[in-house]
Protein backbone atom coordinates (compact mmCIF):
# COMPACT_ATOMS: atom_id res chain seq x y z
CA MET A 1 4.96 -0.41 12.40
CA THR A 2 2.77 -2.14 14.81
CA GLN A 3 -1.04 -3.01 14.35
CA ASN A 4 -1.77 -0.16 16.76
CA HIS A 5 -0.57 2.43 14.44
CA ILE A 6 -2.30 1.07 11.16
CA LYS A 7 -4.80 3.47 9.89
CA GLN A 8 -8.03 2.41 8.97
CA GLY A 9 -8.97 5.08 5.94
CA ALA A 10 -5.87 5.91 4.09
CA MET A 11 -1.77 5.82 4.74
CA SER A 12 1.28 7.96 3.23
CA LEU A 13 3.71 6.40 0.85
CA THR A 14 5.92 5.43 3.62
CA GLU A 15 3.24 3.83 5.71
CA SER A 16 1.82 1.99 3.17
CA ALA A 17 5.10 0.39 2.01
CA ASP A 18 6.12 -0.40 5.67
CA TYR A 19 2.45 -1.93 5.66
CA ILE A 20 2.94 -4.34 2.99
CA GLY A 21 6.84 -4.93 3.35
CA VAL A 22 8.28 -3.03 0.62
CA SER A 23 10.49 -0.11 0.10
CA PRO A 24 9.04 3.55 -0.52
CA ARG A 25 10.58 3.54 -3.87
CA TYR A 26 9.14 0.18 -5.12
CA LEU A 27 5.80 1.35 -3.81
CA TRP A 28 5.90 4.23 -5.68
CA SER A 29 6.97 2.32 -8.95
CA LEU A 30 3.90 -0.37 -8.47
CA LYS A 31 1.97 2.98 -8.24
CA ASP A 32 3.36 4.64 -11.35
CA LYS A 33 2.73 1.09 -13.46
CA GLY A 34 -0.97 1.21 -12.38
CA VAL A 35 -0.61 -1.85 -10.33
CA ILE A 36 -1.65 -0.25 -6.84
CA PRO A 37 -4.46 2.52 -6.96
CA PHE A 38 -3.81 5.23 -4.79
CA VAL A 39 -5.63 8.42 -3.60
CA SER A 40 -4.36 12.27 -4.63
CA VAL A 41 -5.59 14.53 -2.19
CA GLY A 42 -4.03 18.07 -3.23
CA SER A 43 -0.23 17.13 -3.56
CA ARG A 44 -0.35 14.24 -1.21
CA ILE A 45 -0.41 10.60 -2.43
CA LEU A 46 -2.28 8.14 -0.14
CA PHE A 47 -3.40 4.55 -0.18
CA ARG A 48 -6.36 2.70 1.32
CA LYS A 49 -5.52 0.02 3.72
CA ALA A 50 -8.22 -2.05 1.94
CA THR A 51 -6.53 -1.41 -1.40
CA LEU A 52 -3.16 -2.84 0.08
CA ASP A 53 -4.71 -5.48 1.51
CA ALA A 54 -6.37 -6.81 -1.89
CA PHE A 55 -3.19 -6.41 -3.22
CA LEU A 56 -1.35 -8.60 -0.96
CA LYS A 57 -4.19 -11.05 -1.13
CA ASP A 58 -3.91 -11.21 -5.16
CA LYS A 59 -0.17 -12.03 -4.67
CA GLU A 60 -1.01 -14.83 -2.09
CA VAL A 61 0.98 -17.95 -3.15
CA LYS A 62 -0.91 -21.04 -2.17
CA ALA A 63 1.27 -24.02 -1.37
CA SER A 64 0.91 -27.04 -3.96
């Protein structure tokens, strides 16, 4: 996924997994464990870009 295709609001499971560099199955697991909040709209599961960015920032490892 290129930067031009990243949505500013919410993304599907597949788009979100691609955005943070994990498999859709792993992202689904993180969702089920409550690690990453999601948005439920009807039968769709969406992830906010800001939430994914916060998740990545939280997992960032600084060199010692």
